[in-house]
Structure formats: structure tokens, C-alpha cells
C-alpha atoms as a PDB file:
ATOM      1  CA  UNK A   1     -15.841  11.141 -34.489  1.00  0.00           C
ATOM      2  CA  UNK A   2     -13.259  11.931 -31.815  1.00  0.00           C
ATOM      3  CA  UNK A   3     -15.538  10.682 -29.032  1.00  0.00           C
ATOM      4  CA  UNK A   4     -16.276   7.474 -30.960  1.00  0.00           C
ATOM      5  CA  UNK A   5     -12.560   6.893 -31.424  1.00  0.00           C
ATOM      6  CA  UNK A   6     -11.916   7.350 -27.691  1.00  0.00           C
ATOM      7  CA  UNK A   7     -14.777   5.094 -26.675  1.00  0.00           C
ATOM      8  CA  UNK A   8     -13.585   2.320 -28.953  1.00  0.00           C
ATOM      9  CA  UNK A   9     -10.018   2.712 -27.747  1.00  0.00           C
ATOM     10  CA  UNK A  10     -11.087   2.303 -24.131  1.00  0.00           C
ATOM     11  CA  UNK A  11     -13.228  -0.725 -24.888  1.00  0.00           C
ATOM     12  CA  UNK A  12     -10.433  -2.522 -26.699  1.00  0.00           C
ATOM     13  CA  UNK A  13     -11.171  -2.042 -30.435  1.00  0.00           C
ATOM     14  CA  UNK A  14      -8.787  -0.150 -32.725  1.00  0.00           C
ATOM     15  CA  UNK A  15      -8.422   1.557 -36.084  1.00  0.00           C
ATOM     16  CA  UNK A  16      -5.623   1.083 -38.572  1.00  0.00           C
ATOM     17  CA  UNK A  17      -6.216   4.051 -40.856  1.00  0.00           C
ATOM     18  CA  UNK A  18      -5.656   7.753 -40.368  1.00  0.00           C
ATOM     19  CA  UNK A  19      -9.102   8.630 -39.068  1.00  0.00           C
ATOM     20  CA  UNK A  20      -7.971  11.181 -36.455  1.00  0.00           C
ATOM     21  CA  UNK A  21      -5.047  12.575 -34.496  1.00  0.00           C
ATOM     22  CA  UNK A  22      -4.452  14.987 -31.649  1.00  0.00           C
ATOM     23  CA  UNK A  23      -5.474  15.430 -28.049  1.00  0.00           C
ATOM     24  CA  UNK A  24      -8.580  14.154 -26.298  1.00  0.00           C
ATOM     25  CA  UNK A  25     -10.097  16.388 -23.649  1.00  0.00           C
ATOM     26  CA  UNK A  26     -10.737  15.456 -20.010  1.00  0.00           C
ATOM     27  CA  UNK A  27     -14.479  15.629 -20.676  1.00  0.00           C
ATOM     28  CA  UNK A  28     -14.214  13.145 -23.528  1.00  0.00           C
ATOM     29  CA  UNK A  29     -12.151  10.798 -21.377  1.00  0.00           C
ATOM     30  CA  UNK A  30     -14.801  10.967 -18.662  1.00  0.00           C
ATOM     31  CA  UNK A  31     -17.606  10.264 -21.131  1.00  0.00           C
ATOM     32  CA  UNK A  32     -15.736   7.334 -22.620  1.00  0.00           C
ATOM     33  CA  UNK A  33     -15.218   5.842 -19.148  1.00  0.00           C
ATOM     34  CA  UNK A  34     -18.907   6.013 -18.223  1.00  0.00           C
ATOM     35  CA  UNK A  35     -19.913   2.536 -19.387  1.00  0.00           C
ATOM     36  CA  UNK A  36     -16.940   0.965 -17.624  1.00  0.00           C
ATOM     37  CA  UNK A  37     -17.663   2.802 -14.375  1.00  0.00           C
ATOM     38  CA  UNK A  38     -21.275   1.608 -14.437  1.00  0.00           C
ATOM     39  CA  UNK A  39     -20.014  -1.945 -14.060  1.00  0.00           C
ATOM     40  CA  UNK A  40     -18.879  -1.154 -10.533  1.00  0.00           C
ATOM     41  CA  UNK A  41     -21.895  -1.196  -8.180  1.00  0.00           C
ATOM     42  CA  UNK A  42     -22.230   1.393  -5.450  1.00  0.00           C
ATOM     43  CA  UNK A  43     -23.711   0.942  -2.019  1.00  0.00           C
ATOM     44  CA  UNK A  44     -24.680   4.604  -1.557  1.00  0.00           C
ATOM     45  CA  UNK A  45     -24.270   4.664   2.219  1.00  0.00           C
ATOM     46  CA  UNK A  46     -26.575   7.358   3.568  1.00  0.00           C
ATOM     47  CA  UNK A  47     -27.074   9.041   6.923  1.00  0.00           C
ATOM     48  CA  UNK A  48     -29.763   7.366   9.003  1.00  0.00           C
ATOM     49  CA  UNK A  49     -30.954  10.835   9.909  1.00  0.00           C
ATOM     50  CA  UNK A  50     -29.844  14.222   8.664  1.00  0.00           C
ATOM     51  CA  UNK A  51     -30.924  17.261  10.627  1.00  0.00           C
ATOM     52  CA  UNK A  52     -30.540  20.971   9.973  1.00  0.00           C
ATOM     53  CA  UNK A  53     -30.027  24.085  12.060  1.00  0.00           C
ATOM     54  CA  UNK A  54     -33.745  24.738  12.771  1.00  0.00           C
ATOM     55  CA  UNK A  55     -34.046  21.363  14.540  1.00  0.00           C
ATOM     56  CA  UNK A  56     -30.611  21.102  16.149  1.00  0.00           C
ATOM     57  CA  UNK A  57     -31.077  20.031  19.757  1.00  0.00           C
ATOM     58  CA  UNK A  58     -29.355  21.667  22.684  1.00  0.00           C
ATOM     59  CA  UNK A  59     -26.210  19.700  23.534  1.00  0.00           C
ATOM     60  CA  UNK A  60     -25.460  18.628  19.951  1.00  0.00           C
ATOM     61  CA  UNK A  61     -21.682  18.123  19.747  1.00  0.00           C
ATOM     62  CA  UNK A  62     -19.155  19.350  17.206  1.00  0.00           C
ATOM     63  CA  UNK A  63     -15.467  18.402  16.883  1.00  0.00           C
ATOM     64  CA  UNK A  64     -13.010  21.241  16.259  1.00  0.00           C
ATOM     65  CA  UNK A  65     -10.536  20.469  13.451  1.00  0.00           C
ATOM     66  CA  UNK A  66      -8.389  23.598  13.588  1.00  0.00           C
ATOM     67  CA  UNK A  67      -7.525  26.278  16.140  1.00  0.00           C
ATOM     68  CA  UNK A  68      -8.277  28.915  13.494  1.00  0.00           C
ATOM     69  CA  UNK A  69     -11.915  28.452  14.500  1.00  0.00           C
ATOM     70  CA  UNK A  70     -11.324  31.130  17.147  1.00  0.00           C
ATOM     71  CA  UNK A  71     -11.093  33.705  14.312  1.00  0.00           C
ATOM     72  CA  UNK A  72     -14.656  33.042  13.156  1.00  0.00           C
ATOM     73  CA  UNK A  73     -16.253  32.647  16.598  1.00  0.00           C
ATOM     74  CA  UNK A  74     -17.066  35.535  18.890  1.00  0.00           C
ATOM     75  CA  UNK A  75     -17.170  35.119  22.699  1.00  0.00           C
ATOM     76  CA  UNK A  76     -20.645  36.085  23.900  1.00  0.00           C
ATOM     77  CA  UNK A  77     -19.040  37.938  26.806  1.00  0.00           C
ATOM     78  CA  UNK A  78     -16.810  40.637  25.356  1.00  0.00           C
ATOM     79  CA  UNK A  79     -14.836  40.760  28.620  1.00  0.00           C
ATOM     80  CA  UNK A  80     -13.708  37.128  28.236  1.00  0.00           C
ATOM     81  CA  UNK A  81     -10.158  36.685  26.966  1.00  0.00           C
ATOM     82  CA  UNK A  82     -10.014  33.077  25.783  1.00  0.00           C
ATOM     83  CA  UNK A  83      -6.541  31.697  25.007  1.00  0.00           C
ATOM     84  CA  UNK A  84      -7.302  27.979  25.369  1.00  0.00           C
ATOM     85  CA  UNK A  85      -6.642  25.751  22.366  1.00  0.00           C
ATOM     86  CA  UNK A  86      -9.815  24.559  20.661  1.00  0.00           C
ATOM     87  CA  UNK A  87      -8.378  22.067  18.155  1.00  0.00           C
ATOM     88  CA  UNK A  88      -9.299  18.465  18.935  1.00  0.00           C
ATOM     89  CA  UNK A  89     -11.967  19.458  21.451  1.00  0.00           C
ATOM     90  CA  UNK A  90     -15.754  19.455  21.257  1.00  0.00           C
ATOM     91  CA  UNK A  91     -18.159  22.386  21.293  1.00  0.00           C
ATOM     92  CA  UNK A  92     -21.754  21.906  22.432  1.00  0.00           C
ATOM     93  CA  UNK A  93     -24.532  23.699  20.565  1.00  0.00           C
ATOM     94  CA  UNK A  94     -26.959  25.481  22.890  1.00  0.00           C
ATOM     95  CA  UNK A  95     -29.391  27.481  20.734  1.00  0.00           C
ATOM     96  CA  UNK A  96     -29.770  29.882  17.834  1.00  0.00           C
ATOM     97  CA  UNK A  97     -31.223  33.355  17.630  1.00  0.00           C
ATOM     98  CA  UNK A  98     -31.843  35.853  14.855  1.00  0.00           C
ATOM     99  CA  UNK A  99     -30.991  39.484  14.359  1.00  0.00           C
ATOM    100  CA  UNK A 100     -31.498  42.179  11.738  1.00  0.00           C
ATOM    101  CA  UNK A 101     -28.665  42.311   9.228  1.00  0.00           C
ATOM    102  CA  UNK A 102     -27.904  45.850   8.176  1.00  0.00           C
ATOM    103  CA  UNK A 103     -30.003  47.950   5.843  1.00  0.00           C
ATOM    104  CA  UNK A 104     -31.727  45.016   4.098  1.00  0.00           C
ATOM    105  CA  UNK A 105     -33.473  44.147   7.388  1.00  0.00           C
ATOM    106  CA  UNK A 106     -32.922  40.417   6.943  1.00  0.00           C
ATOM    107  CA  UNK A 107     -33.183  38.335  10.117  1.00  0.00           C
ATOM    108  CA  UNK A 108     -30.019  36.233   9.997  1.00  0.00           C
ATOM    109  CA  UNK A 109     -29.170  33.340  12.281  1.00  0.00           C
ATOM    110  CA  UNK A 110     -26.516  33.266  14.995  1.00  0.00           C
ATOM    111  CA  UNK A 111     -25.424  29.902  16.392  1.00  0.00           C
ATOM    112  CA  UNK A 112     -24.428  29.632  20.047  1.00  0.00           C
ATOM    113  CA  UNK A 113     -21.927  27.075  21.395  1.00  0.00           C
ATOM    114  CA  UNK A 114     -20.255  26.463  24.747  1.00  0.00           C
ATOM    115  CA  UNK A 115     -16.962  24.956  25.890  1.00  0.00           C
ATOM    116  CA  UNK A 116     -15.644  24.980  29.463  1.00  0.00           C
ATOM    117  CA  UNK A 117     -18.201  27.572  30.492  1.00  0.00           C
ATOM    118  CA  UNK A 118     -17.339  29.978  27.673  1.00  0.00           C
ATOM    119  CA  UNK A 119     -20.127  30.811  25.220  1.00  0.00           C
ATOM    120  CA  UNK A 120     -19.237  31.397  21.579  1.00  0.00           C
ATOM    121  CA  UNK A 121     -21.326  32.850  18.752  1.00  0.00           C
ATOM    122  CA  UNK A 122     -21.041  32.016  15.052  1.00  0.00           C
ATOM    123  CA  UNK A 123     -22.776  34.523  12.789  1.00  0.00           C
ATOM    124  CA  UNK A 124     -24.018  32.596   9.748  1.00  0.00           C
ATOM    125  CA  UNK A 125     -25.330  35.496   7.599  1.00  0.00           C
ATOM    126  CA  UNK A 126     -28.106  33.088   6.551  1.00  0.00           C
ATOM    127  CA  UNK A 127     -31.829  33.307   7.105  1.00  0.00           C
ATOM    128  CA  UNK A 128     -33.531  30.401   8.845  1.00  0.00           C
ATOM    129  CA  UNK A 129     -35.131  29.098   5.654  1.00  0.00           C
ATOM    130  CA  UNK A 130     -31.753  28.940   3.875  1.00  0.00           C
ATOM    131  CA  UNK A 131     -30.398  25.994   5.865  1.00  0.00           C
ATOM    132  CA  UNK A 132     -30.281  22.428   4.541  1.00  0.00           C
ATOM    133  CA  UNK A 133     -29.019  19.182   6.053  1.00  0.00           C
ATOM    134  CA  UNK A 134     -25.778  19.656   4.098  1.00  0.00           C
ATOM    135  CA  UNK A 135     -24.936  22.871   5.961  1.00  0.00           C
ATOM    136  CA  UNK A 136     -21.823  22.788   8.129  1.00  0.00           C
ATOM    137  CA  UNK A 137     -19.948  25.344  10.191  1.00  0.00           C
ATOM    138  CA  UNK A 138     -16.369  25.785   8.914  1.00  0.00           C
ATOM    139  CA  UNK A 139     -13.782  23.808  10.912  1.00  0.00           C
ATOM    140  CA  UNK A 140     -16.467  21.908  12.848  1.00  0.00           C
ATOM    141  CA  UNK A 141     -17.462  18.249  12.355  1.00  0.00           C
ATOM    142  CA  UNK A 142     -20.889  17.042  13.410  1.00  0.00           C
ATOM    143  CA  UNK A 143     -20.332  14.213  15.921  1.00  0.00           C
ATOM    144  CA  UNK A 144     -23.825  12.832  15.177  1.00  0.00           C
ATOM    145  CA  UNK A 145     -22.740  12.312  11.551  1.00  0.00           C
ATOM    146  CA  UNK A 146     -19.550  10.543  12.678  1.00  0.00           C
ATOM    147  CA  UNK A 147     -21.476   8.290  15.057  1.00  0.00           C
ATOM    148  CA  UNK A 148     -24.009   7.512  12.332  1.00  0.00           C
ATOM    149  CA  UNK A 149     -21.277   6.386   9.930  1.00  0.00           C
ATOM    150  CA  UNK A 150     -19.572   4.379  12.669  1.00  0.00           C
ATOM    151  CA  UNK A 151     -22.804   2.523  13.440  1.00  0.00           C
ATOM    152  CA  UNK A 152     -23.129   1.552   9.769  1.00  0.00           C
ATOM    153  CA  UNK A 153     -19.516   0.654   8.999  1.00  0.00           C
ATOM    154  CA  UNK A 154     -17.574  -0.500  12.070  1.00  0.00           C
ATOM    155  CA  UNK A 155     -17.172  -4.273  12.263  1.00  0.00           C
ATOM    156  CA  UNK A 156     -17.984  -4.858   8.597  1.00  0.00           C
ATOM    157  CA  UNK A 157     -15.695  -6.317   5.940  1.00  0.00           C
ATOM    158  CA  UNK A 158     -15.409  -4.734   2.504  1.00  0.00           C
ATOM    159  CA  UNK A 159     -12.909  -4.043  -0.248  1.00  0.00           C
ATOM    160  CA  UNK A 160     -10.832  -0.863  -0.196  1.00  0.00           C
ATOM    161  CA  UNK A 161     -10.641   0.784  -3.629  1.00  0.00           C
ATOM    162  CA  UNK A 162      -7.770   3.227  -3.130  1.00  0.00           C
ATOM    163  CA  UNK A 163      -4.012   2.679  -2.627  1.00  0.00           C
ATOM    164  CA  UNK A 164      -3.702   6.072  -0.899  1.00  0.00           C
ATOM    165  CA  UNK A 165      -3.433   5.015   2.732  1.00  0.00           C
ATOM    166  CA  UNK A 166      -2.444   6.909   5.882  1.00  0.00           C
ATOM    167  CA  UNK A 167      -0.586   5.774   8.987  1.00  0.00           C
ATOM    168  CA  UNK A 168      -2.984   5.450  11.937  1.00  0.00           C
ATOM    169  CA  UNK A 169      -0.313   6.688  14.373  1.00  0.00           C
ATOM    170  CA  UNK A 170       0.995   9.832  12.703  1.00  0.00           C
ATOM    171  CA  UNK A 171      -1.256  10.444   9.690  1.00  0.00           C
ATOM    172  CA  UNK A 172       1.524  10.228   7.104  1.00  0.00           C
ATOM    173  CA  UNK A 173       0.515   9.054   3.647  1.00  0.00           C
ATOM    174  CA  UNK A 174       1.953   5.879   2.138  1.00  0.00           C
ATOM    175  CA  UNK A 175       1.293   3.572  -0.799  1.00  0.00           C
ATOM    176  CA  UNK A 176      -1.107   0.824   0.161  1.00  0.00           C
ATOM    177  CA  UNK A 177      -2.990  -1.752  -1.882  1.00  0.00           C
ATOM    178  CA  UNK A 178      -6.347  -1.553  -3.596  1.00  0.00           C
ATOM    179  CA  UNK A 179      -9.227  -3.997  -4.134  1.00  0.00           C
ATOM    180  CA  UNK A 180      -8.284  -6.079  -1.093  1.00  0.00           C
ATOM    181  CA  UNK A 181     -10.568  -7.211   1.737  1.00  0.00           C
ATOM    182  CA  UNK A 182     -10.360  -5.101   4.909  1.00  0.00           C
ATOM    183  CA  UNK A 183     -12.102  -5.016   8.286  1.00  0.00           C
ATOM    184  CA  UNK A 184     -13.432  -1.589   9.339  1.00  0.00           C
ATOM    185  CA  UNK A 185     -12.095  -0.905  12.841  1.00  0.00           C
ATOM    186  CA  UNK A 186     -13.376   2.586  13.590  1.00  0.00           C
ATOM    187  CA  UNK A 187     -14.829   5.798  12.203  1.00  0.00           C
ATOM    188  CA  UNK A 188     -13.567   8.978  13.861  1.00  0.00           C
ATOM    189  CA  UNK A 189     -13.687  12.738  13.206  1.00  0.00           C
ATOM    190  CA  UNK A 190     -11.423  13.609  10.291  1.00  0.00           C
ATOM    191  CA  UNK A 191      -9.845  16.890   9.265  1.00  0.00           C
ATOM    192  CA  UNK A 192     -11.017  20.294   8.049  1.00  0.00           C
ATOM    193  CA  UNK A 193     -11.290  19.057   4.448  1.00  0.00           C
ATOM    194  CA  UNK A 194     -12.591  15.495   4.848  1.00  0.00           C
ATOM    195  CA  UNK A 195     -14.626  15.072   8.041  1.00  0.00           C
ATOM    196  CA  UNK A 196     -14.416  11.279   8.435  1.00  0.00           C
ATOM    197  CA  UNK A 197     -11.399   9.138   9.313  1.00  0.00           C
ATOM    198  CA  UNK A 198     -11.985   5.438   8.580  1.00  0.00           C
ATOM    199  CA  UNK A 199      -9.487   3.019  10.152  1.00  0.00           C
ATOM    200  CA  UNK A 200      -9.231  -0.542   8.850  1.00  0.00           C
ATOM    201  CA  UNK A 201      -7.144  -3.733   8.968  1.00  0.00           C
ATOM    202  CA  UNK A 202      -6.133  -5.737   5.882  1.00  0.00           C
ATOM    203  CA  UNK A 203      -7.536  -9.241   6.268  1.00  0.00           C
ATOM    204  CA  UNK A 204      -4.655 -11.026   4.558  1.00  0.00           C
ATOM    205  CA  UNK A 205      -1.714  -9.635   6.553  1.00  0.00           C
ATOM    206  CA  UNK A 206      -3.124  -7.591   9.442  1.00  0.00           C
ATOM    207  CA  UNK A 207      -1.716  -4.279   8.194  1.00  0.00           C
ATOM    208  CA  UNK A 208      -3.521  -1.295   9.723  1.00  0.00           C
ATOM    209  CA  UNK A 209      -4.201   1.981   7.928  1.00  0.00           C
ATOM    210  CA  UNK A 210      -6.784   4.696   7.517  1.00  0.00           C
ATOM    211  CA  UNK A 211      -8.345   6.845   4.801  1.00  0.00           C
ATOM    212  CA  UNK A 212     -10.005  10.256   4.919  1.00  0.00           C
ATOM    213  CA  UNK A 213     -13.598  10.254   3.675  1.00  0.00           C
ATOM    214  CA  UNK A 214     -16.149  12.928   2.831  1.00  0.00           C
ATOM    215  CA  UNK A 215     -19.593  13.214   4.376  1.00  0.00           C
ATOM    216  CA  UNK A 216     -22.484  11.428   2.636  1.00  0.00           C
ATOM    217  CA  UNK A 217     -24.004  14.901   2.207  1.00  0.00           C
ATOM    218  CA  UNK A 218     -20.945  16.350   0.458  1.00  0.00           C
ATOM    219  CA  UNK A 219     -21.221  17.717  -3.062  1.00  0.00           C
ATOM    220  CA  UNK A 220     -17.829  16.291  -4.089  1.00  0.00           C
ATOM    221  CA  UNK A 221     -17.815  12.508  -4.575  1.00  0.00           C
ATOM    222  CA  UNK A 222     -14.179  11.705  -5.338  1.00  0.00           C
ATOM    223  CA  UNK A 223     -13.552  10.755  -1.692  1.00  0.00           C
ATOM    224  CA  UNK A 224     -16.980   9.495  -0.638  1.00  0.00           C
ATOM    225  CA  UNK A 225     -17.749   5.970   0.541  1.00  0.00           C
ATOM    226  CA  UNK A 226     -18.451   4.584  -2.926  1.00  0.00           C
ATOM    227  CA  UNK A 227     -15.164   5.886  -4.312  1.00  0.00           C
ATOM    228  CA  UNK A 228     -13.177   4.361  -1.429  1.00  0.00           C
ATOM    229  CA  UNK A 229     -14.900   1.050  -0.676  1.00  0.00           C
ATOM    230  CA  UNK A 230     -16.841  -1.740  -2.364  1.00  0.00           C
ATOM    231  CA  UNK A 231     -19.066  -4.340  -0.735  1.00  0.00           C
ATOM    232  CA  UNK A 232     -18.079  -6.967  -3.334  1.00  0.00           C
ATOM    233  CA  UNK A 233     -14.805  -8.296  -4.706  1.00  0.00           C
ATOM    234  CA  UNK A 234     -14.293  -6.197  -7.842  1.00  0.00           C
ATOM    235  CA  UNK A 235     -12.258  -8.977  -9.443  1.00  0.00           C
ATOM    236  CA  UNK A 236     -15.547 -10.814  -9.973  1.00  0.00           C
ATOM    237  CA  UNK A 237     -16.537  -8.043 -12.396  1.00  0.00           C
ATOM    238  CA  UNK A 238     -13.430  -8.727 -14.474  1.00  0.00           C
ATOM    239  CA  UNK A 239     -13.197 -12.541 -14.691  1.00  0.00           C
ATOM    240  CA  UNK A 240     -11.110 -12.276 -17.874  1.00  0.00           C
ATOM    241  CA  UNK A 241      -8.234 -10.665 -15.901  1.00  0.00           C
ATOM    242  CA  UNK A 242      -5.871 -13.421 -14.747  1.00  0.00           C
ATOM    243  CA  UNK A 243      -4.564 -13.717 -11.182  1.00  0.00           C
ATOM    244  CA  UNK A 244      -1.063 -12.459 -12.020  1.00  0.00           C
ATOM    245  CA  UNK A 245      -2.389  -9.309 -13.658  1.00  0.00           C
ATOM    246  CA  UNK A 246      -4.904  -8.750 -10.857  1.00  0.00           C
ATOM    247  CA  UNK A 247      -2.083  -8.928  -8.307  1.00  0.00           C
ATOM    248  CA  UNK A 248      -0.290  -6.179 -10.257  1.00  0.00           C
ATOM    249  CA  UNK A 249      -3.490  -4.127 -10.215  1.00  0.00           C
ATOM    250  CA  UNK A 250      -3.768  -4.586  -6.441  1.00  0.00           C
ATOM    251  CA  UNK A 251      -0.268  -3.152  -6.071  1.00  0.00           C
ATOM    252  CA  UNK A 252      -0.847  -0.316  -8.604  1.00  0.00           C
ATOM    253  CA  UNK A 253       1.693  -1.798 -11.014  1.00  0.00           C
ATOM    254  CA  UNK A 254       1.663  -2.275 -14.770  1.00  0.00           C
ATOM    255  CA  UNK A 255       3.580  -4.552 -17.132  1.00  0.00           C
ATOM    256  CA  UNK A 256       4.062  -4.944 -20.864  1.00  0.00           C
ATOM    257  CA  UNK A 257       1.052  -6.277 -22.792  1.00  0.00           C
ATOM    258  CA  UNK A 258      -1.492  -5.310 -20.134  1.00  0.00           C
ATOM    259  CA  UNK A 259      -4.736  -4.021 -21.621  1.00  0.00           C
ATOM    260  CA  UNK A 260      -5.929  -0.457 -21.231  1.00  0.00           C
ATOM    261  CA  UNK A 261      -8.709  -1.684 -18.969  1.00  0.00           C
ATOM    262  CA  UNK A 262      -6.214  -3.386 -16.627  1.00  0.00           C
ATOM    263  CA  UNK A 263      -3.920  -0.343 -16.628  1.00  0.00           C
ATOM    264  CA  UNK A 264      -6.797   1.969 -15.754  1.00  0.00           C
ATOM    265  CA  UNK A 265      -7.743  -0.288 -12.850  1.00  0.00           C
ATOM    266  CA  UNK A 266      -4.119  -0.278 -11.676  1.00  0.00           C
ATOM    267  CA  UNK A 267      -3.363   3.441 -12.008  1.00  0.00           C
ATOM    268  CA  UNK A 268      -6.696   5.202 -12.368  1.00  0.00           C
ATOM    269  CA  UNK A 269      -7.900   7.414 -15.172  1.00  0.00           C
ATOM    270  CA  UNK A 270      -5.162   9.362 -16.991  1.00  0.00           C
ATOM    271  CA  UNK A 271      -5.082  13.130 -17.005  1.00  0.00           C
ATOM    272  CA  UNK A 272      -4.514  13.309 -20.738  1.00  0.00           C
ATOM    273  CA  UNK A 273      -4.794  10.888 -23.664  1.00  0.00           C
ATOM    274  CA  UNK A 274      -3.216  11.329 -27.104  1.00  0.00           C
ATOM    275  CA  UNK A 275      -3.898   9.036 -30.063  1.00  0.00           C
ATOM    276  CA  UNK A 276      -1.690   8.812 -33.126  1.00  0.00           C
ATOM    277  CA  UNK A 277      -2.510   6.345 -35.941  1.00  0.00           C
ATOM    278  CA  UNK A 278       0.428   5.137 -38.018  1.00  0.00           C
ATOM    279  CA  UNK A 279       0.970   2.326 -40.573  1.00  0.00           C
ATOM    280  CA  UNK A 280       1.794  -0.164 -37.803  1.00  0.00           C
ATOM    281  CA  UNK A 281      -1.449   0.476 -35.884  1.00  0.00           C
ATOM    282  CA  UNK A 282      -3.031   2.870 -33.431  1.00  0.00           C
ATOM    283  CA  UNK A 283      -0.668   4.325 -30.838  1.00  0.00           C
ATOM    284  CA  UNK A 284      -2.153   5.786 -27.697  1.00  0.00           C
ATOM    285  CA  UNK A 285      -0.364   7.747 -24.968  1.00  0.00           C
ATOM    286  CA  UNK A 286      -1.596   8.168 -21.410  1.00  0.00           C
ATOM    287  CA  UNK A 287      -0.201  10.891 -19.144  1.00  0.00           C
ATOM    288  CA  UNK A 288      -0.651  11.190 -15.373  1.00  0.00           C
ATOM    289  CA  UNK A 289      -0.143  14.184 -13.089  1.00  0.00           C
ATOM    290  CA  UNK A 290       2.683  12.474 -11.201  1.00  0.00           C
ATOM    291  CA  UNK A 291       4.783  12.005 -14.360  1.00  0.00           C
ATOM    292  CA  UNK A 292       3.774   8.444 -15.161  1.00  0.00           C
ATOM    293  CA  UNK A 293       3.496   7.737 -18.858  1.00  0.00           C
ATOM    294  CA  UNK A 294       1.987   4.770 -20.724  1.00  0.00           C
ATOM    295  CA  UNK A 295       2.198   3.936 -24.432  1.00  0.00           C
ATOM    296  CA  UNK A 296      -0.215   1.473 -26.034  1.00  0.00           C
ATOM    297  CA  UNK A 297      -0.120  -0.099 -29.481  1.00  0.00           C
ATOM    298  CA  UNK A 298      -3.408  -1.556 -30.676  1.00  0.00           C
ATOM    299  CA  UNK A 299      -4.750  -1.616 -27.118  1.00  0.00           C
ATOM    300  CA  UNK A 300      -1.796  -3.281 -25.375  1.00  0.00           C
ATOM    301  CA  UNK A 301       0.841  -1.610 -23.182  1.00  0.00           C
ATOM    302  CA  UNK A 302       4.218  -1.477 -24.927  1.00  0.00           C
ATOM    303  CA  UNK A 303       6.147   1.194 -23.050  1.00  0.00           C
ATOM    304  CA  UNK A 304       5.754   2.959 -19.703  1.00  0.00           C
ATOM    305  CA  UNK A 305       7.498   5.223 -17.269  1.00  0.00           C
ATOM    306  CA  UNK A 306       6.868   4.809 -13.532  1.00  0.00           C
END
């Protein structure tokens, strides 16, 4: 019953009795949103080729995201004292070898890299058959993957789906706009969490920004291509939303009498939803992690806190 109530609330219908009260879990919110999310097509950008350790070629390049990499690499020559900074530079893969691993006699793989004549070893603790295309060395970004994404995205126009933008000069986060047309300028190595940096220009005013994006092979999808970009104007999926309301959605703003659908598009899915029926109709409360609060009566926004 609780799930049915949530699903109807999100689709715009309402109850006027005292059918249920209380909190709705995150899982129930997610289930209730499923039909709405299916309306937004995905492009599912994939790597043109995805290789794994057994077929890595000599000379394959990797971008270093953090100087802490030196704590997990071992110089092949124990007499070498390497104090050079590694962050922002590229290692070249040379080869792999295997060695017995303790008492269990497993043959585990060591990866060998070079930079400025210094050879480094990364001990994976994995057997050769354990590797998949999704495998990555901590703090390293596969340049082949970056180049692959650049070849598919740079020069194209699409719609950005997130208002979380970053300054291309200093990387600071700022509030941008969502669902607007942008031109993809470049794809570069990202950071130690999200390996792709996608730079773009807003087509309407020339504003430049960037977003951090996960690899197409990543398990987490909340920052993948389909969560950040759309190949079509999403407003065409919601023709019933007028231009004034859509402009508020673009700027992540809400106003009195907006529907729950429009508010979700503007602010994203709430962290928590409470429903309380009373004689005047169904009241619903949305709570967000950043302190924003929305109150709906019979499906329309009546009170909110920014």
C-alpha cells in the first residue's frame, strides 16, 4: 500500500482519506521514480575498444592523478632514490611478469612502468586470469580510454543534465544550468575519483565550464555519460511544462504551484519523503541533504525553503 501511495503521489494523483502516514524509504522513492526515469533516453556511450592487462602493449600510457602513487610503486632498482613529483605526468607500461605469492604458491602479476629512465613495479596480488577490462591501477588513468572518449565526444553538441559545474581554470565548483545545449570542447584526464574531465561551452552565452565524469566501465553510474549529458532536448519529453517553468528548471529553481514532476527535474530526487493526509488533502514533504525543503498539497508546491 505504501509503495502504491508513493507511486501515485509522484505521478500526480492524490488521496483524500487517511490511507497511510509516515516515512517513505529511499528504496521506495527509487522504485516510484523508475517509470519517470525510463522516459529519458540514454545513449550508452561505450569504449571503442577495452583491453586488459594480458594484452596491454608496451608503451601504453597512464596519467598520474596524485603523488601518493609513489607509496604503492616500488623502484625496480633498490639503489634508486626517486624524489621527482609524479602527479600530472605520464607513466609508460613496459611489461608484466609473475611471481609466487607466499605459501599458497599463486603466481601473481607485477606490472612494470617507466618514467624518465626509472622503472617502477606495481604488485597487483592478482593472478593473470583475474583481470578484466574494468581493472585499473589506483591513481592512474588510462590515456587510451581518455583518447577514446575524446574521439567520440569532442566537437559534438548535446544537452548537459547537471547544474554542478567546475571552473576550467582553477577547478572550483559553481552553480551552472541544466538541460541546456553545450558544445563539447575537450576530454582530458580527470582526478583520482572520476577519471574524465569534459570541458564544454554553453551555446546560448558562450560560458565555459567542465564536469568530472566516470569511465564507461565504472560500476557506479551516478556520474557517467548518461547521467551528465543527453543527445536530445529533454524539454521535448515534457511538452506540458510551459516555458516559464522550464526556465526555472534550467536554473534549479522552484516556485509556488509547480508540480512534483517539475520540482524533481529542477532539484533532483529528494533524500526523504513524508506524506501526511489531512481533511484538506494530501500533504507531502520533500527533504534534501543540503537543507532544502518542499511542501506539496495535492501534488502542487505550496511552501519551500531554499
